[in-house]
Amino acid sequence: MIHNLFSTLFQVIVPLSLPVLAGALLSRFKQLEIKPLLTLVLYYLTPVLIFHTLMNAEVSHQDIYLTLAYSLLSLLLLWAIANGFGKLFKLPSSDIAGLTLISAFTNSVNYGIPLILLAFGQIGLDKASVYIVLQMVIVNTIGIYFAARSHFNIKNAIKSVFSLPAIYAALLALLFRMLHLSLPSGIESGVSMIAEAYSPVVLAILGIQMMNVKTEKLDRTTQTTFWTGMGIRLIVAPLIALFCLNLLNIDGILHSVLLVLACMPVAVNAGILAQKFNASPKIVTKCILWTTLLSFFVLPFIIVLVK
């Protein structure tokens, strides 16, 4: 097991850390502005990646139904738990919005795609593709609602969901597949090239966000939100994932990749949405920092166990 652990560490975790380190160095020595990069990700890279992944995923109908059921069930349970703790501790609405983002969304795209590919190969990525695409769609639809409702009314929050192109990219890809249409080879090559740029760019943003996390002392309410978010993401979320996987009788490699993705750190997109909609961004980015740092040590153990 020790051999497998070190092999996983050097073959999976080390390659993923390089773009994160590059982003951290750029932030430290060049004071790289993050807001233009966030716009680039939300309005350019994310919709192209969603379209490309949906167009090329090869999975069975059973995998699609099981993954959809798992995604919605786990999302509902994590949302209920985050809101329950928020009300229990009498947190302000912005903190509840941030806590929901921390609890419900993992870094399954920019971190998860290369991680699953390196750890489980192409068959693992094929099995994980439906969940990854669903997470991209959900975080750019329901996630925006979670973040925006902290200071928008429901009408404006729902309206903000449809102000970003991600949902339209997903619908367009589904339409293409239903009609058995494909892109011309030249356009397909361009779309593929853009999609491949997603992971290194967003991992670099993760490095920038980690460098920008402030270490000042938190007040009592902020500390409560932070530690609650860390507890849900690191302990409760994996247990919820196991419960949902067993309830739905999901097994094999699909079980393994879904469990690993459930144990990923807080999603970078959660930080992006928290900053964009002021959903306690300091707390969310601090949770991104610490769950990501811990993941470099925890994920190799989990991958070895499930494999």
C-alpha atoms as a PDB file:
ATOM      1  CA  MET A   1       0.000   0.000   0.000  1.00  0.00           C
ATOM      2  CA  ILE A   2       2.877   2.382   0.760  1.00  0.00           C
ATOM      3  CA  HIS A   3       4.218   1.869  -2.764  1.00  0.00           C
ATOM      4  CA  ASN A   4       0.782   2.577  -4.280  1.00  0.00           C
ATOM      5  CA  LEU A   5       0.434   5.650  -2.091  1.00  0.00           C
ATOM      6  CA  PHE A   6       3.717   7.198  -3.188  1.00  0.00           C
ATOM      7  CA  SER A   7       3.048   6.221  -6.801  1.00  0.00           C
ATOM      8  CA  THR A   8      -0.314   8.001  -6.674  1.00  0.00           C
ATOM      9  CA  LEU A   9       1.277  11.012  -5.015  1.00  0.00           C
ATOM     10  CA  PHE A  10       3.953  11.492  -7.667  1.00  0.00           C
ATOM     11  CA  GLN A  11       1.922  10.460 -10.720  1.00  0.00           C
ATOM     12  CA  VAL A  12      -1.314  12.292  -9.858  1.00  0.00           C
ATOM     13  CA  ILE A  13      -0.856  15.012  -7.253  1.00  0.00           C
ATOM     14  CA  VAL A  14       2.526  16.415  -8.311  1.00  0.00           C
ATOM     15  CA  PRO A  15       1.481  17.159 -11.943  1.00  0.00           C
ATOM     16  CA  LEU A  16      -1.678  18.921 -10.727  1.00  0.00           C
ATOM     17  CA  SER A  17       0.288  21.105  -8.334  1.00  0.00           C
ATOM     18  CA  LEU A  18       2.397  22.718 -11.085  1.00  0.00           C
ATOM     19  CA  PRO A  19      -0.292  25.093 -12.495  1.00  0.00           C
ATOM     20  CA  VAL A  20      -1.353  25.941  -8.933  1.00  0.00           C
ATOM     21  CA  LEU A  21       2.256  26.830  -8.101  1.00  0.00           C
ATOM     22  CA  ALA A  22       2.532  28.889 -11.295  1.00  0.00           C
ATOM     23  CA  GLY A  23      -0.549  30.910 -10.346  1.00  0.00           C
ATOM     24  CA  ALA A  24       0.779  31.454  -6.834  1.00  0.00           C
ATOM     25  CA  LEU A  25       4.136  32.695  -8.170  1.00  0.00           C
ATOM     26  CA  LEU A  26       2.449  35.028 -10.661  1.00  0.00           C
ATOM     27  CA  SER A  27       0.340  36.465  -7.872  1.00  0.00           C
ATOM     28  CA  ARG A  28       3.344  36.865  -5.590  1.00  0.00           C
ATOM     29  CA  PHE A  29       5.781  38.487  -8.033  1.00  0.00           C
ATOM     30  CA  LYS A  30       3.572  40.038 -10.736  1.00  0.00           C
ATOM     31  CA  GLN A  31       0.455  40.949  -8.710  1.00  0.00           C
ATOM     32  CA  LEU A  32      -1.705  39.298 -11.367  1.00  0.00           C
ATOM     33  CA  GLU A  33      -5.267  40.668 -11.479  1.00  0.00           C
ATOM     34  CA  ILE A  34      -7.811  37.920 -10.867  1.00  0.00           C
ATOM     35  CA  LYS A  35     -11.060  39.627 -11.967  1.00  0.00           C
ATOM     36  CA  PRO A  36     -10.306  39.535 -15.729  1.00  0.00           C
ATOM     37  CA  LEU A  37      -9.421  35.853 -15.368  1.00  0.00           C
ATOM     38  CA  LEU A  38     -12.719  35.171 -13.595  1.00  0.00           C
ATOM     39  CA  THR A  39     -14.581  36.794 -16.480  1.00  0.00           C
ATOM     40  CA  LEU A  40     -12.546  34.708 -18.942  1.00  0.00           C
ATOM     41  CA  VAL A  41     -13.519  31.512 -17.124  1.00  0.00           C
ATOM     42  CA  LEU A  42     -17.224  32.318 -16.655  1.00  0.00           C
ATOM     43  CA  TYR A  43     -17.938  33.671 -20.114  1.00  0.00           C
ATOM     44  CA  TYR A  44     -15.468  31.843 -22.336  1.00  0.00           C
ATOM     45  CA  LEU A  45     -13.768  28.685 -21.055  1.00  0.00           C
ATOM     46  CA  THR A  46     -16.640  27.208 -19.015  1.00  0.00           C
ATOM     47  CA  PRO A  47     -19.321  27.189 -21.747  1.00  0.00           C
ATOM     48  CA  VAL A  48     -16.872  25.812 -24.320  1.00  0.00           C
ATOM     49  CA  LEU A  49     -15.791  23.047 -21.938  1.00  0.00           C
ATOM     50  CA  ILE A  50     -19.403  22.132 -21.162  1.00  0.00           C
ATOM     51  CA  PHE A  51     -20.268  21.961 -24.853  1.00  0.00           C
ATOM     52  CA  HIS A  52     -17.163  19.935 -25.753  1.00  0.00           C
ATOM     53  CA  THR A  53     -17.548  17.447 -22.894  1.00  0.00           C
ATOM     54  CA  LEU A  54     -21.238  16.822 -23.560  1.00  0.00           C
ATOM     55  CA  MET A  55     -20.571  16.337 -27.255  1.00  0.00           C
ATOM     56  CA  ASN A  56     -17.869  13.710 -26.711  1.00  0.00           C
ATOM     57  CA  ALA A  57     -18.897  11.779 -23.582  1.00  0.00           C
ATOM     58  CA  GLU A  58     -19.441   8.040 -24.170  1.00  0.00           C
ATOM     59  CA  VAL A  59     -21.532   6.572 -21.365  1.00  0.00           C
ATOM     60  CA  SER A  60     -24.496   4.211 -21.015  1.00  0.00           C
ATOM     61  CA  HIS A  61     -28.013   5.359 -20.298  1.00  0.00           C
ATOM     62  CA  GLN A  62     -27.892   3.582 -16.931  1.00  0.00           C
ATOM     63  CA  ASP A  63     -24.766   5.528 -15.970  1.00  0.00           C
ATOM     64  CA  ILE A  64     -26.514   8.761 -16.924  1.00  0.00           C
ATOM     65  CA  TYR A  65     -29.637   8.003 -14.871  1.00  0.00           C
ATOM     66  CA  LEU A  66     -27.675   6.816 -11.828  1.00  0.00           C
ATOM     67  CA  THR A  67     -25.287   9.767 -11.949  1.00  0.00           C
ATOM     68  CA  LEU A  68     -28.136  12.240 -12.356  1.00  0.00           C
ATOM     69  CA  ALA A  69     -30.008  10.721  -9.399  1.00  0.00           C
ATOM     70  CA  TYR A  70     -26.846  10.723  -7.280  1.00  0.00           C
ATOM     71  CA  SER A  71     -25.984  14.324  -8.178  1.00  0.00           C
ATOM     72  CA  LEU A  72     -29.438  15.689  -7.369  1.00  0.00           C
ATOM     73  CA  LEU A  73     -29.856  13.644  -4.177  1.00  0.00           C
ATOM     74  CA  SER A  74     -26.460  14.595  -2.759  1.00  0.00           C
ATOM     75  CA  LEU A  75     -26.981  18.246  -3.744  1.00  0.00           C
ATOM     76  CA  LEU A  76     -30.362  18.328  -1.989  1.00  0.00           C
ATOM     77  CA  LEU A  77     -28.975  16.752   1.187  1.00  0.00           C
ATOM     78  CA  LEU A  78     -25.919  19.032   1.334  1.00  0.00           C
ATOM     79  CA  TRP A  79     -28.075  22.104   0.695  1.00  0.00           C
ATOM     80  CA  ALA A  80     -30.406  21.062   3.520  1.00  0.00           C
ATOM     81  CA  ILE A  81     -27.490  20.419   5.891  1.00  0.00           C
ATOM     82  CA  ALA A  82     -25.798  23.758   5.087  1.00  0.00           C
ATOM     83  CA  ASN A  83     -29.027  25.683   5.560  1.00  0.00           C
ATOM     84  CA  GLY A  84     -29.799  23.751   8.738  1.00  0.00           C
ATOM     85  CA  PHE A  85     -26.451  24.645  10.286  1.00  0.00           C
ATOM     86  CA  GLY A  86     -26.817  28.239   9.065  1.00  0.00           C
ATOM     87  CA  LYS A  87     -30.135  28.625  10.837  1.00  0.00           C
ATOM     88  CA  LEU A  88     -28.911  26.739  13.904  1.00  0.00           C
ATOM     89  CA  PHE A  89     -25.985  29.150  14.347  1.00  0.00           C
ATOM     90  CA  LYS A  90     -28.105  32.154  13.255  1.00  0.00           C
ATOM     91  CA  LEU A  91     -25.691  33.101  10.478  1.00  0.00           C
ATOM     92  CA  PRO A  92     -26.361  36.102   8.210  1.00  0.00           C
ATOM     93  CA  SER A  93     -27.773  35.362   4.758  1.00  0.00           C
ATOM     94  CA  SER A  94     -24.464  36.050   2.997  1.00  0.00           C
ATOM     95  CA  ASP A  95     -22.696  33.518   5.245  1.00  0.00           C
ATOM     96  CA  ILE A  96     -25.410  30.919   4.612  1.00  0.00           C
ATOM     97  CA  ALA A  97     -24.961  31.486   0.877  1.00  0.00           C
ATOM     98  CA  GLY A  98     -21.202  31.009   1.225  1.00  0.00           C
ATOM     99  CA  LEU A  99     -21.669  27.930   3.436  1.00  0.00           C
ATOM    100  CA  THR A 100     -23.960  26.401   0.830  1.00  0.00           C
ATOM    101  CA  LEU A 101     -21.354  26.961  -1.900  1.00  0.00           C
ATOM    102  CA  ILE A 102     -18.650  25.396   0.295  1.00  0.00           C
ATOM    103  CA  SER A 103     -20.798  22.383   1.149  1.00  0.00           C
ATOM    104  CA  ALA A 104     -22.413  21.600  -2.177  1.00  0.00           C
ATOM    105  CA  PHE A 105     -19.713  22.132  -4.813  1.00  0.00           C
ATOM    106  CA  THR A 106     -16.407  20.316  -5.143  1.00  0.00           C
ATOM    107  CA  ASN A 107     -13.477  21.055  -7.396  1.00  0.00           C
ATOM    108  CA  SER A 108     -14.555  18.234  -9.715  1.00  0.00           C
ATOM    109  CA  VAL A 109     -13.842  20.033 -12.994  1.00  0.00           C
ATOM    110  CA  ASN A 110     -10.488  21.789 -13.108  1.00  0.00           C
ATOM    111  CA  TYR A 111      -8.977  19.588 -10.376  1.00  0.00           C
ATOM    112  CA  GLY A 112     -11.184  16.538 -10.906  1.00  0.00           C
ATOM    113  CA  ILE A 113     -10.780  16.025 -14.661  1.00  0.00           C
ATOM    114  CA  PRO A 114      -6.977  15.647 -14.678  1.00  0.00           C
ATOM    115  CA  LEU A 115      -7.065  13.822 -11.315  1.00  0.00           C
ATOM    116  CA  ILE A 116      -9.500  11.144 -12.534  1.00  0.00           C
ATOM    117  CA  LEU A 117      -7.663  10.796 -15.858  1.00  0.00           C
ATOM    118  CA  LEU A 118      -4.297  10.309 -14.151  1.00  0.00           C
ATOM    119  CA  ALA A 119      -5.664   8.012 -11.429  1.00  0.00           C
ATOM    120  CA  PHE A 120      -8.220   5.874 -13.337  1.00  0.00           C
ATOM    121  CA  GLY A 121      -7.401   6.360 -17.009  1.00  0.00           C
ATOM    122  CA  GLN A 122      -9.776   7.159 -19.859  1.00  0.00           C
ATOM    123  CA  ILE A 123     -12.420   4.663 -18.690  1.00  0.00           C
ATOM    124  CA  GLY A 124     -12.566   6.439 -15.346  1.00  0.00           C
ATOM    125  CA  LEU A 125     -12.923   9.821 -17.030  1.00  0.00           C
ATOM    126  CA  ASP A 126     -15.709   8.473 -19.259  1.00  0.00           C
ATOM    127  CA  LYS A 127     -17.582   7.255 -16.168  1.00  0.00           C
ATOM    128  CA  ALA A 128     -17.000  10.555 -14.393  1.00  0.00           C
ATOM    129  CA  SER A 129     -17.847  12.763 -17.379  1.00  0.00           C
ATOM    130  CA  VAL A 130     -21.605  12.864 -16.741  1.00  0.00           C
ATOM    131  CA  TYR A 131     -21.115  13.903 -13.118  1.00  0.00           C
ATOM    132  CA  ILE A 132     -18.484  16.481 -14.084  1.00  0.00           C
ATOM    133  CA  VAL A 133     -20.728  18.022 -16.727  1.00  0.00           C
ATOM    134  CA  LEU A 134     -23.686  18.019 -14.337  1.00  0.00           C
ATOM    135  CA  GLN A 135     -21.546  19.800 -11.760  1.00  0.00           C
ATOM    136  CA  MET A 136     -20.524  22.401 -14.340  1.00  0.00           C
ATOM    137  CA  VAL A 137     -24.156  22.980 -15.260  1.00  0.00           C
ATOM    138  CA  ILE A 138     -25.380  22.949 -11.646  1.00  0.00           C
ATOM    139  CA  VAL A 139     -22.694  25.295 -10.313  1.00  0.00           C
ATOM    140  CA  ASN A 140     -23.422  27.735 -13.138  1.00  0.00           C
ATOM    141  CA  THR A 141     -27.184  27.571 -12.588  1.00  0.00           C
ATOM    142  CA  ILE A 142     -28.204  26.491  -9.083  1.00  0.00           C
ATOM    143  CA  GLY A 143     -24.831  27.660  -7.757  1.00  0.00           C
ATOM    144  CA  ILE A 144     -25.460  31.151  -9.071  1.00  0.00           C
ATOM    145  CA  TYR A 145     -28.848  31.125  -7.371  1.00  0.00           C
ATOM    146  CA  PHE A 146     -27.276  30.037  -4.071  1.00  0.00           C
ATOM    147  CA  ALA A 147     -24.724  32.858  -4.326  1.00  0.00           C
ATOM    148  CA  ALA A 148     -26.932  35.588  -5.743  1.00  0.00           C
ATOM    149  CA  ARG A 149     -29.898  35.162  -3.422  1.00  0.00           C
ATOM    150  CA  SER A 150     -27.842  36.573  -0.541  1.00  0.00           C
ATOM    151  CA  HIS A 151     -28.489  40.069  -1.868  1.00  0.00           C
ATOM    152  CA  PHE A 152     -30.821  39.672  -4.847  1.00  0.00           C
ATOM    153  CA  ASN A 153     -34.501  38.880  -4.668  1.00  0.00           C
ATOM    154  CA  ILE A 154     -35.580  35.511  -6.086  1.00  0.00           C
ATOM    155  CA  LYS A 155     -36.602  37.007  -9.433  1.00  0.00           C
ATOM    156  CA  ASN A 156     -33.228  38.666  -9.968  1.00  0.00           C
ATOM    157  CA  ALA A 157     -31.347  35.594  -8.711  1.00  0.00           C
ATOM    158  CA  ILE A 158     -33.126  33.352 -11.207  1.00  0.00           C
ATOM    159  CA  LYS A 159     -32.537  35.962 -13.912  1.00  0.00           C
ATOM    160  CA  SER A 160     -28.814  35.927 -13.150  1.00  0.00           C
ATOM    161  CA  VAL A 161     -28.743  32.179 -13.851  1.00  0.00           C
ATOM    162  CA  PHE A 162     -29.573  32.861 -17.486  1.00  0.00           C
ATOM    163  CA  SER A 163     -27.174  35.775 -17.851  1.00  0.00           C
ATOM    164  CA  LEU A 164     -24.200  33.424 -18.268  1.00  0.00           C
ATOM    165  CA  PRO A 165     -23.653  31.276 -21.374  1.00  0.00           C
ATOM    166  CA  ALA A 166     -22.989  27.952 -19.599  1.00  0.00           C
ATOM    167  CA  ILE A 167     -26.630  26.855 -19.576  1.00  0.00           C
ATOM    168  CA  TYR A 168     -27.013  27.679 -23.263  1.00  0.00           C
ATOM    169  CA  ALA A 169     -23.857  25.716 -24.095  1.00  0.00           C
ATOM    170  CA  ALA A 170     -25.306  22.650 -22.359  1.00  0.00           C
ATOM    171  CA  LEU A 171     -28.636  22.975 -24.168  1.00  0.00           C
ATOM    172  CA  LEU A 172     -26.893  23.432 -27.519  1.00  0.00           C
ATOM    173  CA  ALA A 173     -24.776  20.313 -27.000  1.00  0.00           C
ATOM    174  CA  LEU A 174     -27.845  18.256 -26.060  1.00  0.00           C
ATOM    175  CA  LEU A 175     -29.634  19.526 -29.166  1.00  0.00           C
ATOM    176  CA  PHE A 176     -26.684  18.546 -31.358  1.00  0.00           C
ATOM    177  CA  ARG A 177     -26.652  15.040 -29.878  1.00  0.00           C
ATOM    178  CA  MET A 178     -30.410  14.595 -30.230  1.00  0.00           C
ATOM    179  CA  LEU A 179     -30.214  15.596 -33.899  1.00  0.00           C
ATOM    180  CA  HIS A 180     -27.002  13.574 -34.454  1.00  0.00           C
ATOM    181  CA  LEU A 181     -25.167  16.649 -35.627  1.00  0.00           C
ATOM    182  CA  SER A 182     -21.423  17.238 -35.399  1.00  0.00           C
ATOM    183  CA  LEU A 183     -19.132  20.202 -35.828  1.00  0.00           C
ATOM    184  CA  PRO A 184     -16.895  20.597 -38.886  1.00  0.00           C
ATOM    185  CA  SER A 185     -13.412  19.247 -38.164  1.00  0.00           C
ATOM    186  CA  GLY A 186     -11.764  22.675 -38.112  1.00  0.00           C
ATOM    187  CA  ILE A 187     -14.267  24.097 -35.633  1.00  0.00           C
ATOM    188  CA  GLU A 188     -14.101  20.918 -33.537  1.00  0.00           C
ATOM    189  CA  SER A 189     -10.317  21.277 -33.299  1.00  0.00           C
ATOM    190  CA  GLY A 190     -10.686  24.871 -32.153  1.00  0.00           C
ATOM    191  CA  VAL A 191     -13.333  23.968 -29.566  1.00  0.00           C
ATOM    192  CA  SER A 192     -11.136  21.132 -28.287  1.00  0.00           C
ATOM    193  CA  MET A 193      -8.152  23.464 -27.969  1.00  0.00           C
ATOM    194  CA  ILE A 194     -10.182  25.975 -25.933  1.00  0.00           C
ATOM    195  CA  ALA A 195     -11.583  23.221 -23.693  1.00  0.00           C
ATOM    196  CA  GLU A 196      -8.090  21.912 -22.977  1.00  0.00           C
ATOM    197  CA  ALA A 197      -7.101  25.372 -21.728  1.00  0.00           C
ATOM    198  CA  TYR A 198      -9.693  25.245 -18.931  1.00  0.00           C
ATOM    199  CA  SER A 199      -7.828  23.119 -16.378  1.00  0.00           C
ATOM    200  CA  PRO A 200      -4.440  24.925 -16.354  1.00  0.00           C
ATOM    201  CA  VAL A 201      -6.092  28.355 -16.316  1.00  0.00           C
ATOM    202  CA  VAL A 202      -8.461  27.572 -13.450  1.00  0.00           C
ATOM    203  CA  LEU A 203      -5.757  25.741 -11.504  1.00  0.00           C
ATOM    204  CA  ALA A 204      -3.630  28.872 -11.870  1.00  0.00           C
ATOM    205  CA  ILE A 205      -6.588  30.912 -10.571  1.00  0.00           C
ATOM    206  CA  LEU A 206      -6.688  28.522  -7.613  1.00  0.00           C
ATOM    207  CA  GLY A 207      -3.035  29.345  -6.922  1.00  0.00           C
ATOM    208  CA  ILE A 208      -3.793  33.075  -7.121  1.00  0.00           C
ATOM    209  CA  GLN A 209      -6.778  32.712  -4.794  1.00  0.00           C
ATOM    210  CA  MET A 210      -4.691  30.768  -2.308  1.00  0.00           C
ATOM    211  CA  MET A 211      -2.079  33.543  -2.277  1.00  0.00           C
ATOM    212  CA  ASN A 212      -4.763  36.199  -1.846  1.00  0.00           C
ATOM    213  CA  VAL A 213      -6.364  34.561   1.194  1.00  0.00           C
ATOM    214  CA  LYS A 214      -5.969  36.898   4.134  1.00  0.00           C
ATOM    215  CA  THR A 215      -4.783  35.524   7.460  1.00  0.00           C
ATOM    216  CA  GLU A 216      -6.304  38.186   9.697  1.00  0.00           C
ATOM    217  CA  LYS A 217      -8.174  37.090  12.795  1.00  0.00           C
ATOM    218  CA  LEU A 218     -11.776  36.144  12.121  1.00  0.00           C
ATOM    219  CA  ASP A 219     -14.655  37.327  14.243  1.00  0.00           C
ATOM    220  CA  ARG A 220     -16.807  34.791  16.047  1.00  0.00           C
ATOM    221  CA  THR A 221     -19.522  34.529  13.406  1.00  0.00           C
ATOM    222  CA  THR A 222     -16.983  34.210  10.589  1.00  0.00           C
ATOM    223  CA  GLN A 223     -15.067  31.542  12.510  1.00  0.00           C
ATOM    224  CA  THR A 224     -18.297  29.607  13.035  1.00  0.00           C
ATOM    225  CA  THR A 225     -19.074  29.706   9.306  1.00  0.00           C
ATOM    226  CA  PHE A 226     -15.509  28.725   8.365  1.00  0.00           C
ATOM    227  CA  TRP A 227     -15.256  25.723  10.681  1.00  0.00           C
ATOM    228  CA  THR A 228     -18.775  24.584   9.836  1.00  0.00           C
ATOM    229  CA  GLY A 229     -17.916  24.703   6.136  1.00  0.00           C
ATOM    230  CA  MET A 230     -14.674  22.790   6.698  1.00  0.00           C
ATOM    231  CA  GLY A 231     -16.482  20.137   8.723  1.00  0.00           C
ATOM    232  CA  ILE A 232     -19.218  19.634   6.134  1.00  0.00           C
ATOM    233  CA  ARG A 233     -16.822  19.503   3.181  1.00  0.00           C
ATOM    234  CA  LEU A 234     -14.225  17.210   4.791  1.00  0.00           C
ATOM    235  CA  ILE A 235     -16.405  14.883   6.882  1.00  0.00           C
ATOM    236  CA  VAL A 236     -20.126  15.195   6.186  1.00  0.00           C
ATOM    237  CA  ALA A 237     -19.950  15.396   2.369  1.00  0.00           C
ATOM    238  CA  PRO A 238     -18.027  12.095   1.924  1.00  0.00           C
ATOM    239  CA  LEU A 239     -20.466  10.374   4.290  1.00  0.00           C
ATOM    240  CA  ILE A 240     -23.406  11.779   2.321  1.00  0.00           C
ATOM    241  CA  ALA A 241     -21.760  10.507  -0.868  1.00  0.00           C
ATOM    242  CA  LEU A 242     -21.393   6.992   0.576  1.00  0.00           C
ATOM    243  CA  PHE A 243     -25.020   7.050   1.720  1.00  0.00           C
ATOM    244  CA  CYS A 244     -26.279   8.111  -1.726  1.00  0.00           C
ATOM    245  CA  LEU A 245     -24.046   5.626  -3.584  1.00  0.00           C
ATOM    246  CA  ASN A 246     -25.239   2.731  -1.424  1.00  0.00           C
ATOM    247  CA  LEU A 247     -28.873   3.848  -1.572  1.00  0.00           C
ATOM    248  CA  LEU A 248     -28.761   3.895  -5.383  1.00  0.00           C
ATOM    249  CA  ASN A 249     -26.737   0.637  -5.592  1.00  0.00           C
ATOM    250  CA  ILE A 250     -23.960   2.274  -7.593  1.00  0.00           C
ATOM    251  CA  ASP A 251     -20.890   0.049  -7.777  1.00  0.00           C
ATOM    252  CA  GLY A 252     -17.739  -0.607  -9.774  1.00  0.00           C
ATOM    253  CA  ILE A 253     -15.573   2.137 -11.202  1.00  0.00           C
ATOM    254  CA  LEU A 254     -18.511   4.561 -11.264  1.00  0.00           C
ATOM    255  CA  HIS A 255     -18.744   4.189  -7.469  1.00  0.00           C
ATOM    256  CA  SER A 256     -14.994   4.796  -7.116  1.00  0.00           C
ATOM    257  CA  VAL A 257     -14.808   7.940  -9.240  1.00  0.00           C
ATOM    258  CA  LEU A 258     -17.953   9.482  -7.730  1.00  0.00           C
ATOM    259  CA  LEU A 259     -16.635   8.902  -4.210  1.00  0.00           C
ATOM    260  CA  VAL A 260     -13.253  10.446  -5.067  1.00  0.00           C
ATOM    261  CA  LEU A 261     -14.961  13.465  -6.648  1.00  0.00           C
ATOM    262  CA  ALA A 262     -17.111  13.870  -3.527  1.00  0.00           C
ATOM    263  CA  CYS A 263     -13.913  14.113  -1.451  1.00  0.00           C
ATOM    264  CA  MET A 264     -12.426  16.895  -3.588  1.00  0.00           C
ATOM    265  CA  PRO A 265     -11.743  20.320  -2.054  1.00  0.00           C
ATOM    266  CA  VAL A 266     -14.131  23.260  -2.342  1.00  0.00           C
ATOM    267  CA  ALA A 267     -14.726  24.233  -5.966  1.00  0.00           C
ATOM    268  CA  VAL A 268     -12.793  27.118  -7.459  1.00  0.00           C
ATOM    269  CA  ASN A 269     -16.054  28.134  -9.117  1.00  0.00           C
ATOM    270  CA  ALA A 270     -17.565  28.491  -5.634  1.00  0.00           C
ATOM    271  CA  GLY A 271     -14.926  31.140  -4.963  1.00  0.00           C
ATOM    272  CA  ILE A 272     -15.592  32.756  -8.326  1.00  0.00           C
ATOM    273  CA  LEU A 273     -19.325  32.970  -7.620  1.00  0.00           C
ATOM    274  CA  ALA A 274     -18.749  34.105  -4.022  1.00  0.00           C
ATOM    275  CA  GLN A 275     -16.592  36.986  -5.256  1.00  0.00           C
ATOM    276  CA  LYS A 276     -18.947  37.881  -8.077  1.00  0.00           C
ATOM    277  CA  PHE A 277     -22.080  37.920  -5.887  1.00  0.00           C
ATOM    278  CA  ASN A 278     -20.517  38.840  -2.493  1.00  0.00           C
ATOM    279  CA  ALA A 279     -21.477  35.542  -0.829  1.00  0.00           C
ATOM    280  CA  SER A 280     -18.873  35.719   1.979  1.00  0.00           C
ATOM    281  CA  PRO A 281     -15.921  35.421  -0.440  1.00  0.00           C
ATOM    282  CA  LYS A 282     -13.278  35.601   2.332  1.00  0.00           C
ATOM    283  CA  ILE A 283     -14.709  32.529   4.033  1.00  0.00           C
ATOM    284  CA  VAL A 284     -15.181  30.614   0.780  1.00  0.00           C
ATOM    285  CA  THR A 285     -11.659  31.327  -0.481  1.00  0.00           C
ATOM    286  CA  LYS A 286     -10.173  30.405   2.907  1.00  0.00           C
ATOM    287  CA  CYS A 287     -11.995  27.072   2.748  1.00  0.00           C
ATOM    288  CA  ILE A 288     -10.719  26.606  -0.820  1.00  0.00           C
ATOM    289  CA  LEU A 289      -7.178  27.184   0.450  1.00  0.00           C
ATOM    290  CA  TRP A 290      -7.266  24.761   3.361  1.00  0.00           C
ATOM    291  CA  THR A 291      -9.318  21.993   1.736  1.00  0.00           C
ATOM    292  CA  THR A 292      -7.015  22.138  -1.288  1.00  0.00           C
ATOM    293  CA  LEU A 293      -3.861  21.933   0.838  1.00  0.00           C
ATOM    294  CA  LEU A 294      -5.324  19.025   2.811  1.00  0.00           C
ATOM    295  CA  SER A 295      -6.413  17.276  -0.405  1.00  0.00           C
ATOM    296  CA  PHE A 296      -2.786  16.864  -1.492  1.00  0.00           C
ATOM    297  CA  PHE A 297      -2.382  14.487   1.483  1.00  0.00           C
ATOM    298  CA  VAL A 298      -5.889  13.005   1.794  1.00  0.00           C
ATOM    299  CA  LEU A 299      -6.740  12.206  -1.840  1.00  0.00           C
ATOM    300  CA  PRO A 300      -3.844   9.766  -2.432  1.00  0.00           C
ATOM    301  CA  PHE A 301      -5.126   7.636   0.485  1.00  0.00           C
ATOM    302  CA  ILE A 302      -8.692   7.700  -0.858  1.00  0.00           C
ATOM    303  CA  ILE A 303      -7.606   6.814  -4.406  1.00  0.00           C
ATOM    304  CA  VAL A 304      -5.542   3.866  -3.158  1.00  0.00           C
ATOM    305  CA  LEU A 305      -8.464   2.614  -1.013  1.00  0.00           C
ATOM    306  CA  VAL A 306     -11.113   2.785  -3.758  1.00  0.00           C
ATOM    307  CA  LYS A 307      -8.838   1.275  -6.417  1.00  0.00           C
END
